[in-house]
């Protein structure tokens, strides 16, 4: 049970880490503009 618990938690942590990496990489290609006075 503890191994399954640890495996699920590690899988979610990996998912989150991949999401953060994907988001940071994608942001480099996005345009940063001021829209209606908001960046």
ModelCIF file with pLDDT and N, C-alpha, C, O atoms, coordinates in Angstrom:
data_MODEL
#
_entry.id   MODEL 
#
_entity.id                         1 
_entity.type                       polymer 
_entity.pdbx_number_of_molecules   1 
#
_entity_poly.entity_id                      1 
_entity_poly.type                           'polypeptide(L)' 
_entity_poly.nstd_linkage                   no 
_entity_poly.nstd_monomer                   no 
_entity_poly.pdbx_seq_one_letter_code       
;(UNK)(UNK)(UNK)(UNK)(UNK)(UNK)(UNK)(UNK)(UNK)(UNK)(UNK)(UNK)(UNK)(UNK)(UNK)(UNK)
(UNK)(UNK)(UNK)(UNK)(UNK)(UNK)(UNK)(UNK)(UNK)(UNK)(UNK)(UNK)(UNK)(UNK)(UNK)(UNK)
(UNK)(UNK)(UNK)(UNK)(UNK)(UNK)(UNK)
;
_entity_poly.pdbx_seq_one_letter_code_can   XXXXXXXXXXXXXXXXXXXXXXXXXXXXXXXXXXXXXXX 
_entity_poly.pdbx_strand_id                 A 
#
loop_
_entity_poly_seq.entity_id 
_entity_poly_seq.num 
_entity_poly_seq.mon_id 
_entity_poly_seq.hetero 
1 1  UNK n 
1 2  UNK n 
1 3  UNK n 
1 4  UNK n 
1 5  UNK n 
1 6  UNK n 
1 7  UNK n 
1 8  UNK n 
1 9  UNK n 
1 10 UNK n 
1 11 UNK n 
1 12 UNK n 
1 13 UNK n 
1 14 UNK n 
1 15 UNK n 
1 16 UNK n 
1 17 UNK n 
1 18 UNK n 
1 19 UNK n 
1 20 UNK n 
1 21 UNK n 
1 22 UNK n 
1 23 UNK n 
1 24 UNK n 
1 25 UNK n 
1 26 UNK n 
1 27 UNK n 
1 28 UNK n 
1 29 UNK n 
1 30 UNK n 
1 31 UNK n 
1 32 UNK n 
1 33 UNK n 
1 34 UNK n 
1 35 UNK n 
1 36 UNK n 
1 37 UNK n 
1 38 UNK n 
1 39 UNK n 
#
_struct_asym.id          A 
_struct_asym.entity_id   1 
#
loop_
_ma_qa_metric.id 
_ma_qa_metric.mode 
_ma_qa_metric.name 
_ma_qa_metric.software_group_id 
_ma_qa_metric.type 
1 global pLDDT . pLDDT 
2 local  pLDDT . pLDDT 
#
_ma_qa_metric_global.metric_id      1 
_ma_qa_metric_global.metric_value   87.64 
_ma_qa_metric_global.model_id       1 
_ma_qa_metric_global.ordinal_id     1 
#
loop_
_ma_qa_metric_local.label_asym_id 
_ma_qa_metric_local.label_comp_id 
_ma_qa_metric_local.label_seq_id 
_ma_qa_metric_local.metric_id 
_ma_qa_metric_local.metric_value 
_ma_qa_metric_local.model_id 
_ma_qa_metric_local.ordinal_id 
A UNK 1  2 86.00 1 1  
A UNK 2  2 90.00 1 2  
A UNK 3  2 91.00 1 3  
A UNK 4  2 92.00 1 4  
A UNK 5  2 90.00 1 5  
A UNK 6  2 93.00 1 6  
A UNK 7  2 93.00 1 7  
A UNK 8  2 91.00 1 8  
A UNK 9  2 92.00 1 9  
A UNK 10 2 93.00 1 10 
A UNK 11 2 90.00 1 11 
A UNK 12 2 87.00 1 12 
A UNK 13 2 88.00 1 13 
A UNK 14 2 88.00 1 14 
A UNK 15 2 84.00 1 15 
A UNK 16 2 83.00 1 16 
A UNK 17 2 84.00 1 17 
A UNK 18 2 83.00 1 18 
A UNK 19 2 79.00 1 19 
A UNK 20 2 81.00 1 20 
A UNK 21 2 84.00 1 21 
A UNK 22 2 81.00 1 22 
A UNK 23 2 81.00 1 23 
A UNK 24 2 83.00 1 24 
A UNK 25 2 85.00 1 25 
A UNK 26 2 83.00 1 26 
A UNK 27 2 85.00 1 27 
A UNK 28 2 87.00 1 28 
A UNK 29 2 88.00 1 29 
A UNK 30 2 90.00 1 30 
A UNK 31 2 91.00 1 31 
A UNK 32 2 91.00 1 32 
A UNK 33 2 91.00 1 33 
A UNK 34 2 91.00 1 34 
A UNK 35 2 89.00 1 35 
A UNK 36 2 88.00 1 36 
A UNK 37 2 89.00 1 37 
A UNK 38 2 91.00 1 38 
A UNK 39 2 92.00 1 39 
#
loop_
_atom_site.group_PDB 
_atom_site.id 
_atom_site.type_symbol 
_atom_site.label_atom_id 
_atom_site.label_alt_id 
_atom_site.label_comp_id 
_atom_site.label_asym_id 
_atom_site.label_entity_id 
_atom_site.label_seq_id 
_atom_site.pdbx_PDB_ins_code 
_atom_site.Cartn_x 
_atom_site.Cartn_y 
_atom_site.Cartn_z 
_atom_site.occupancy 
_atom_site.B_iso_or_equiv 
_atom_site.pdbx_formal_charge 
_atom_site.auth_seq_id 
_atom_site.auth_comp_id 
_atom_site.auth_asym_id 
_atom_site.auth_atom_id 
_atom_site.pdbx_PDB_model_num 
ATOM 1   N N  . UNK A 1 1  ? 0.832  -1.208 0.000   1.00 86.00 ? 1  UNK A N  1 
ATOM 2   C CA . UNK A 1 1  ? 0.000  0.000  0.000   1.00 86.00 ? 1  UNK A CA 1 
ATOM 3   C C  . UNK A 1 1  ? 0.863  1.252  0.000   1.00 86.00 ? 1  UNK A C  1 
ATOM 4   O O  . UNK A 1 1  ? 0.582  2.203  -0.730  1.00 86.00 ? 1  UNK A O  1 
ATOM 5   N N  . UNK A 1 2  ? 1.916  1.255  0.820   1.00 90.00 ? 2  UNK A N  1 
ATOM 6   C CA . UNK A 1 2  ? 2.799  2.418  0.870   1.00 90.00 ? 2  UNK A CA 1 
ATOM 7   C C  . UNK A 1 2  ? 3.509  2.641  -0.467  1.00 90.00 ? 2  UNK A C  1 
ATOM 8   O O  . UNK A 1 2  ? 3.705  3.781  -0.887  1.00 90.00 ? 2  UNK A O  1 
ATOM 9   N N  . UNK A 1 3  ? 3.893  1.547  -1.134  1.00 91.00 ? 3  UNK A N  1 
ATOM 10  C CA . UNK A 1 3  ? 4.545  1.683  -2.444  1.00 91.00 ? 3  UNK A CA 1 
ATOM 11  C C  . UNK A 1 3  ? 3.575  2.270  -3.471  1.00 91.00 ? 3  UNK A C  1 
ATOM 12  O O  . UNK A 1 3  ? 3.957  3.125  -4.270  1.00 91.00 ? 3  UNK A O  1 
ATOM 13  N N  . UNK A 1 4  ? 2.320  1.810  -3.451  1.00 92.00 ? 4  UNK A N  1 
ATOM 14  C CA . UNK A 1 4  ? 1.320  2.358  -4.377  1.00 92.00 ? 4  UNK A CA 1 
ATOM 15  C C  . UNK A 1 4  ? 1.074  3.836  -4.077  1.00 92.00 ? 4  UNK A C  1 
ATOM 16  O O  . UNK A 1 4  ? 0.998  4.660  -4.989  1.00 92.00 ? 4  UNK A O  1 
ATOM 17  N N  . UNK A 1 5  ? 0.951  4.161  -2.787  1.00 90.00 ? 5  UNK A N  1 
ATOM 18  C CA . UNK A 1 5  ? 0.748  5.553  -2.368  1.00 90.00 ? 5  UNK A CA 1 
ATOM 19  C C  . UNK A 1 5  ? 1.899  6.426  -2.865  1.00 90.00 ? 5  UNK A C  1 
ATOM 20  O O  . UNK A 1 5  ? 1.676  7.479  -3.462  1.00 90.00 ? 5  UNK A O  1 
ATOM 21  N N  . UNK A 1 6  ? 3.141  5.974  -2.612  1.00 93.00 ? 6  UNK A N  1 
ATOM 22  C CA . UNK A 1 6  ? 4.305  6.751  -3.028  1.00 93.00 ? 6  UNK A CA 1 
ATOM 23  C C  . UNK A 1 6  ? 4.375  6.866  -4.544  1.00 93.00 ? 6  UNK A C  1 
ATOM 24  O O  . UNK A 1 6  ? 4.741  7.917  -5.069  1.00 93.00 ? 6  UNK A O  1 
ATOM 25  N N  . UNK A 1 7  ? 4.023  5.786  -5.258  1.00 93.00 ? 7  UNK A N  1 
ATOM 26  C CA . UNK A 1 7  ? 4.044  5.826  -6.719  1.00 93.00 ? 7  UNK A CA 1 
ATOM 27  C C  . UNK A 1 7  ? 3.050  6.828  -7.282  1.00 93.00 ? 7  UNK A C  1 
ATOM 28  O O  . UNK A 1 7  ? 3.378  7.570  -8.208  1.00 93.00 ? 7  UNK A O  1 
ATOM 29  N N  . UNK A 1 8  ? 1.829  6.860  -6.730  1.00 91.00 ? 8  UNK A N  1 
ATOM 30  C CA . UNK A 1 8  ? 0.829  7.821  -7.197  1.00 91.00 ? 8  UNK A CA 1 
ATOM 31  C C  . UNK A 1 8  ? 1.276  9.254  -6.935  1.00 91.00 ? 8  UNK A C  1 
ATOM 32  O O  . UNK A 1 8  ? 1.141  10.121 -7.799  1.00 91.00 ? 8  UNK A O  1 
ATOM 33  N N  . UNK A 1 9  ? 1.808  9.499  -5.739  1.00 92.00 ? 9  UNK A N  1 
ATOM 34  C CA . UNK A 1 9  ? 2.264  10.854 -5.413  1.00 92.00 ? 9  UNK A CA 1 
ATOM 35  C C  . UNK A 1 9  ? 3.406  11.281 -6.324  1.00 92.00 ? 9  UNK A C  1 
ATOM 36  O O  . UNK A 1 9  ? 3.428  12.413 -6.809  1.00 92.00 ? 9  UNK A O  1 
ATOM 37  N N  . UNK A 1 10 ? 4.355  10.377 -6.558  1.00 93.00 ? 10 UNK A N  1 
ATOM 38  C CA . UNK A 1 10 ? 5.468  10.714 -7.444  1.00 93.00 ? 10 UNK A CA 1 
ATOM 39  C C  . UNK A 1 10 ? 4.987  10.955 -8.871  1.00 93.00 ? 10 UNK A C  1 
ATOM 40  O O  . UNK A 1 10 ? 5.525  11.815 -9.568  1.00 93.00 ? 10 UNK A O  1 
ATOM 41  N N  . UNK A 1 11 ? 3.974  10.200 -9.312  1.00 90.00 ? 11 UNK A N  1 
ATOM 42  C CA . UNK A 1 11 ? 3.440  10.406 -10.658 1.00 90.00 ? 11 UNK A CA 1 
ATOM 43  C C  . UNK A 1 11 ? 2.811  11.792 -10.792 1.00 90.00 ? 11 UNK A C  1 
ATOM 44  O O  . UNK A 1 11 ? 2.983  12.460 -11.811 1.00 90.00 ? 11 UNK A O  1 
ATOM 45  N N  . UNK A 1 12 ? 2.081  12.223 -9.760  1.00 87.00 ? 12 UNK A N  1 
ATOM 46  C CA . UNK A 1 12 ? 1.482  13.553 -9.807  1.00 87.00 ? 12 UNK A CA 1 
ATOM 47  C C  . UNK A 1 12 ? 2.552  14.640 -9.743  1.00 87.00 ? 12 UNK A C  1 
ATOM 48  O O  . UNK A 1 12 ? 2.448  15.662 -10.421 1.00 87.00 ? 12 UNK A O  1 
ATOM 49  N N  . UNK A 1 13 ? 3.580  14.415 -8.927  1.00 88.00 ? 13 UNK A N  1 
ATOM 50  C CA . UNK A 1 13 ? 4.681  15.395 -8.875  1.00 88.00 ? 13 UNK A CA 1 
ATOM 51  C C  . UNK A 1 13 ? 5.360  15.506 -10.229 1.00 88.00 ? 13 UNK A C  1 
ATOM 52  O O  . UNK A 1 13 ? 5.692  16.605 -10.675 1.00 88.00 ? 13 UNK A O  1 
ATOM 53  N N  . UNK A 1 14 ? 5.566  14.369 -10.887 1.00 88.00 ? 14 UNK A N  1 
ATOM 54  C CA . UNK A 1 14 ? 6.186  14.377 -12.216 1.00 88.00 ? 14 UNK A CA 1 
ATOM 55  C C  . UNK A 1 14 ? 5.302  15.109 -13.211 1.00 88.00 ? 14 UNK A C  1 
ATOM 56  O O  . UNK A 1 14 ? 5.792  15.869 -14.045 1.00 88.00 ? 14 UNK A O  1 
ATOM 57  N N  . UNK A 1 15 ? 3.993  14.875 -13.119 1.00 84.00 ? 15 UNK A N  1 
ATOM 58  C CA . UNK A 1 15 ? 3.050  15.560 -13.998 1.00 84.00 ? 15 UNK A CA 1 
ATOM 59  C C  . UNK A 1 15 ? 3.133  17.073 -13.802 1.00 84.00 ? 15 UNK A C  1 
ATOM 60  O O  . UNK A 1 15 ? 3.182  17.835 -14.767 1.00 84.00 ? 15 UNK A O  1 
ATOM 61  N N  . UNK A 1 16 ? 3.148  17.484 -12.559 1.00 83.00 ? 16 UNK A N  1 
ATOM 62  C CA . UNK A 1 16 ? 3.253  18.913 -12.267 1.00 83.00 ? 16 UNK A CA 1 
ATOM 63  C C  . UNK A 1 16 ? 4.568  19.492 -12.774 1.00 83.00 ? 16 UNK A C  1 
ATOM 64  O O  . UNK A 1 16 ? 4.594  20.583 -13.343 1.00 83.00 ? 16 UNK A O  1 
ATOM 65  N N  . UNK A 1 17 ? 5.653  18.762 -12.567 1.00 84.00 ? 17 UNK A N  1 
ATOM 66  C CA . UNK A 1 17 ? 6.963  19.254 -13.020 1.00 84.00 ? 17 UNK A CA 1 
ATOM 67  C C  . UNK A 1 17 ? 6.988  19.387 -14.535 1.00 84.00 ? 17 UNK A C  1 
ATOM 68  O O  . UNK A 1 17 ? 7.483  20.384 -15.059 1.00 84.00 ? 17 UNK A O  1 
ATOM 69  N N  . UNK A 1 18 ? 6.458  18.387 -15.250 1.00 83.00 ? 18 UNK A N  1 
ATOM 70  C CA . UNK A 1 18 ? 6.412  18.468 -16.707 1.00 83.00 ? 18 UNK A CA 1 
ATOM 71  C C  . UNK A 1 18 ? 5.528  19.629 -17.171 1.00 83.00 ? 18 UNK A C  1 
ATOM 72  O O  . UNK A 1 18 ? 5.822  20.298 -18.161 1.00 83.00 ? 18 UNK A O  1 
ATOM 73  N N  . UNK A 1 19 ? 4.435  19.848 -16.428 1.00 79.00 ? 19 UNK A N  1 
ATOM 74  C CA . UNK A 1 19 ? 3.557  20.966 -16.775 1.00 79.00 ? 19 UNK A CA 1 
ATOM 75  C C  . UNK A 1 19 ? 4.254  22.304 -16.622 1.00 79.00 ? 19 UNK A C  1 
ATOM 76  O O  . UNK A 1 19 ? 4.110  23.183 -17.471 1.00 79.00 ? 19 UNK A O  1 
ATOM 77  N N  . UNK A 1 20 ? 5.008  22.463 -15.542 1.00 81.00 ? 20 UNK A N  1 
ATOM 78  C CA . UNK A 1 20 ? 5.737  23.714 -15.318 1.00 81.00 ? 20 UNK A CA 1 
ATOM 79  C C  . UNK A 1 20 ? 6.785  23.928 -16.399 1.00 81.00 ? 20 UNK A C  1 
ATOM 80  O O  . UNK A 1 20 ? 6.943  25.037 -16.910 1.00 81.00 ? 20 UNK A O  1 
ATOM 81  N N  . UNK A 1 21 ? 7.511  22.844 -16.752 1.00 84.00 ? 21 UNK A N  1 
ATOM 82  C CA . UNK A 1 21 ? 8.524  22.953 -17.807 1.00 84.00 ? 21 UNK A CA 1 
ATOM 83  C C  . UNK A 1 21 ? 7.877  23.309 -19.140 1.00 84.00 ? 21 UNK A C  1 
ATOM 84  O O  . UNK A 1 21 ? 8.384  24.155 -19.877 1.00 84.00 ? 21 UNK A O  1 
ATOM 85  N N  . UNK A 1 22 ? 6.762  22.663 -19.443 1.00 81.00 ? 22 UNK A N  1 
ATOM 86  C CA . UNK A 1 22 ? 6.052  22.937 -20.697 1.00 81.00 ? 22 UNK A CA 1 
ATOM 87  C C  . UNK A 1 22 ? 5.557  24.385 -20.741 1.00 81.00 ? 22 UNK A C  1 
ATOM 88  O O  . UNK A 1 22 ? 5.652  25.055 -21.769 1.00 81.00 ? 22 UNK A O  1 
ATOM 89  N N  . UNK A 1 23 ? 5.030  24.853 -19.611 1.00 81.00 ? 23 UNK A N  1 
ATOM 90  C CA . UNK A 1 23 ? 4.492  26.212 -19.565 1.00 81.00 ? 23 UNK A CA 1 
ATOM 91  C C  . UNK A 1 23 ? 5.604  27.245 -19.720 1.00 81.00 ? 23 UNK A C  1 
ATOM 92  O O  . UNK A 1 23 ? 5.454  28.225 -20.450 1.00 81.00 ? 23 UNK A O  1 
ATOM 93  N N  . UNK A 1 24 ? 6.723  27.021 -19.027 1.00 83.00 ? 24 UNK A N  1 
ATOM 94  C CA . UNK A 1 24 ? 7.839  27.972 -19.134 1.00 83.00 ? 24 UNK A CA 1 
ATOM 95  C C  . UNK A 1 24 ? 8.412  28.005 -20.552 1.00 83.00 ? 24 UNK A C  1 
ATOM 96  O O  . UNK A 1 24 ? 8.781  29.065 -21.057 1.00 83.00 ? 24 UNK A O  1 
ATOM 97  N N  . UNK A 1 25 ? 8.482  26.841 -21.181 1.00 85.00 ? 25 UNK A N  1 
ATOM 98  C CA . UNK A 1 25 ? 8.996  26.813 -22.553 1.00 85.00 ? 25 UNK A CA 1 
ATOM 99  C C  . UNK A 1 25 ? 8.030  27.507 -23.506 1.00 85.00 ? 25 UNK A C  1 
ATOM 100 O O  . UNK A 1 25 ? 8.460  28.210 -24.421 1.00 85.00 ? 25 UNK A O  1 
ATOM 101 N N  . UNK A 1 26 ? 6.737  27.316 -23.301 1.00 83.00 ? 26 UNK A N  1 
ATOM 102 C CA . UNK A 1 26 ? 5.751  27.933 -24.188 1.00 83.00 ? 26 UNK A CA 1 
ATOM 103 C C  . UNK A 1 26 ? 5.726  29.443 -24.037 1.00 83.00 ? 26 UNK A C  1 
ATOM 104 O O  . UNK A 1 26 ? 5.489  30.164 -25.006 1.00 83.00 ? 26 UNK A O  1 
ATOM 105 N N  . UNK A 1 27 ? 5.970  29.925 -22.819 1.00 85.00 ? 27 UNK A N  1 
ATOM 106 C CA . UNK A 1 27 ? 5.905  31.369 -22.581 1.00 85.00 ? 27 UNK A CA 1 
ATOM 107 C C  . UNK A 1 27 ? 6.952  32.139 -23.375 1.00 85.00 ? 27 UNK A C  1 
ATOM 108 O O  . UNK A 1 27 ? 6.762  33.321 -23.663 1.00 85.00 ? 27 UNK A O  1 
ATOM 109 N N  . UNK A 1 28 ? 8.046  31.488 -23.729 1.00 87.00 ? 28 UNK A N  1 
ATOM 110 C CA . UNK A 1 28 ? 9.100  32.189 -24.461 1.00 87.00 ? 28 UNK A CA 1 
ATOM 111 C C  . UNK A 1 28 ? 8.629  32.633 -25.845 1.00 87.00 ? 28 UNK A C  1 
ATOM 112 O O  . UNK A 1 28 ? 9.147  33.600 -26.404 1.00 87.00 ? 28 UNK A O  1 
ATOM 113 N N  . UNK A 1 29 ? 7.654  31.926 -26.385 1.00 88.00 ? 29 UNK A N  1 
ATOM 114 C CA . UNK A 1 29 ? 7.168  32.269 -27.725 1.00 88.00 ? 29 UNK A CA 1 
ATOM 115 C C  . UNK A 1 29 ? 5.929  33.159 -27.686 1.00 88.00 ? 29 UNK A C  1 
ATOM 116 O O  . UNK A 1 29 ? 5.441  33.573 -28.738 1.00 88.00 ? 29 UNK A O  1 
ATOM 117 N N  . UNK A 1 30 ? 5.412  33.461 -26.495 1.00 90.00 ? 30 UNK A N  1 
ATOM 118 C CA . UNK A 1 30 ? 4.220  34.297 -26.398 1.00 90.00 ? 30 UNK A CA 1 
ATOM 119 C C  . UNK A 1 30 ? 4.612  35.760 -26.454 1.00 90.00 ? 30 UNK A C  1 
ATOM 120 O O  . UNK A 1 30 ? 5.693  36.150 -26.013 1.00 90.00 ? 30 UNK A O  1 
ATOM 121 N N  . UNK A 1 31 ? 3.713  36.563 -27.007 1.00 91.00 ? 31 UNK A N  1 
ATOM 122 C CA . UNK A 1 31 ? 3.925  38.011 -27.076 1.00 91.00 ? 31 UNK A CA 1 
ATOM 123 C C  . UNK A 1 31 ? 3.476  38.653 -25.770 1.00 91.00 ? 31 UNK A C  1 
ATOM 124 O O  . UNK A 1 31 ? 2.413  38.329 -25.239 1.00 91.00 ? 31 UNK A O  1 
ATOM 125 N N  . UNK A 1 32 ? 4.279  39.549 -25.269 1.00 91.00 ? 32 UNK A N  1 
ATOM 126 C CA . UNK A 1 32 ? 3.919  40.293 -24.055 1.00 91.00 ? 32 UNK A CA 1 
ATOM 127 C C  . UNK A 1 32 ? 3.484  41.687 -24.478 1.00 91.00 ? 32 UNK A C  1 
ATOM 128 O O  . UNK A 1 32 ? 4.273  42.470 -25.006 1.00 91.00 ? 32 UNK A O  1 
ATOM 129 N N  . UNK A 1 33 ? 2.209  41.980 -24.235 1.00 91.00 ? 33 UNK A N  1 
ATOM 130 C CA . UNK A 1 33 ? 1.642  43.244 -24.677 1.00 91.00 ? 33 UNK A CA 1 
ATOM 131 C C  . UNK A 1 33 ? 0.859  43.880 -23.534 1.00 91.00 ? 33 UNK A C  1 
ATOM 132 O O  . UNK A 1 33 ? 0.602  43.255 -22.505 1.00 91.00 ? 33 UNK A O  1 
ATOM 133 N N  . UNK A 1 34 ? 0.491  45.131 -23.745 1.00 91.00 ? 34 UNK A N  1 
ATOM 134 C CA . UNK A 1 34 ? -0.392 45.834 -22.814 1.00 91.00 ? 34 UNK A CA 1 
ATOM 135 C C  . UNK A 1 34 ? -1.765 45.932 -23.467 1.00 91.00 ? 34 UNK A C  1 
ATOM 136 O O  . UNK A 1 34 ? -1.941 46.584 -24.496 1.00 91.00 ? 34 UNK A O  1 
ATOM 137 N N  . UNK A 1 35 ? -2.724 45.270 -22.845 1.00 89.00 ? 35 UNK A N  1 
ATOM 138 C CA . UNK A 1 35 ? -4.069 45.190 -23.406 1.00 89.00 ? 35 UNK A CA 1 
ATOM 139 C C  . UNK A 1 35 ? -5.038 45.886 -22.462 1.00 89.00 ? 35 UNK A C  1 
ATOM 140 O O  . UNK A 1 35 ? -5.236 45.460 -21.324 1.00 89.00 ? 35 UNK A O  1 
ATOM 141 N N  . UNK A 1 36 ? -5.640 46.969 -22.960 1.00 88.00 ? 36 UNK A N  1 
ATOM 142 C CA . UNK A 1 36 ? -6.579 47.751 -22.132 1.00 88.00 ? 36 UNK A CA 1 
ATOM 143 C C  . UNK A 1 36 ? -5.925 48.177 -20.819 1.00 88.00 ? 36 UNK A C  1 
ATOM 144 O O  . UNK A 1 36 ? -6.569 48.171 -19.769 1.00 88.00 ? 36 UNK A O  1 
ATOM 145 N N  . UNK A 1 37 ? -4.656 48.544 -20.881 1.00 89.00 ? 37 UNK A N  1 
ATOM 146 C CA . UNK A 1 37 ? -3.953 49.020 -19.703 1.00 89.00 ? 37 UNK A CA 1 
ATOM 147 C C  . UNK A 1 37 ? -3.420 47.939 -18.791 1.00 89.00 ? 37 UNK A C  1 
ATOM 148 O O  . UNK A 1 37 ? -2.914 48.243 -17.711 1.00 89.00 ? 37 UNK A O  1 
ATOM 149 N N  . UNK A 1 38 ? -3.519 46.673 -19.198 1.00 91.00 ? 38 UNK A N  1 
ATOM 150 C CA . UNK A 1 38 ? -3.075 45.555 -18.369 1.00 91.00 ? 38 UNK A CA 1 
ATOM 151 C C  . UNK A 1 38 ? -2.017 44.773 -19.143 1.00 91.00 ? 38 UNK A C  1 
ATOM 152 O O  . UNK A 1 38 ? -2.203 44.457 -20.318 1.00 91.00 ? 38 UNK A O  1 
ATOM 153 N N  . UNK A 1 39 ? -0.912 44.466 -18.478 1.00 92.00 ? 39 UNK A N  1 
ATOM 154 C CA . UNK A 1 39 ? 0.140  43.664 -19.110 1.00 92.00 ? 39 UNK A CA 1 
ATOM 155 C C  . UNK A 1 39 ? -0.285 42.199 -19.152 1.00 92.00 ? 39 UNK A C  1 
ATOM 156 O O  . UNK A 1 39 ? 0.461  41.354 -19.646 1.00 92.00 ? 39 UNK A O  1 
#
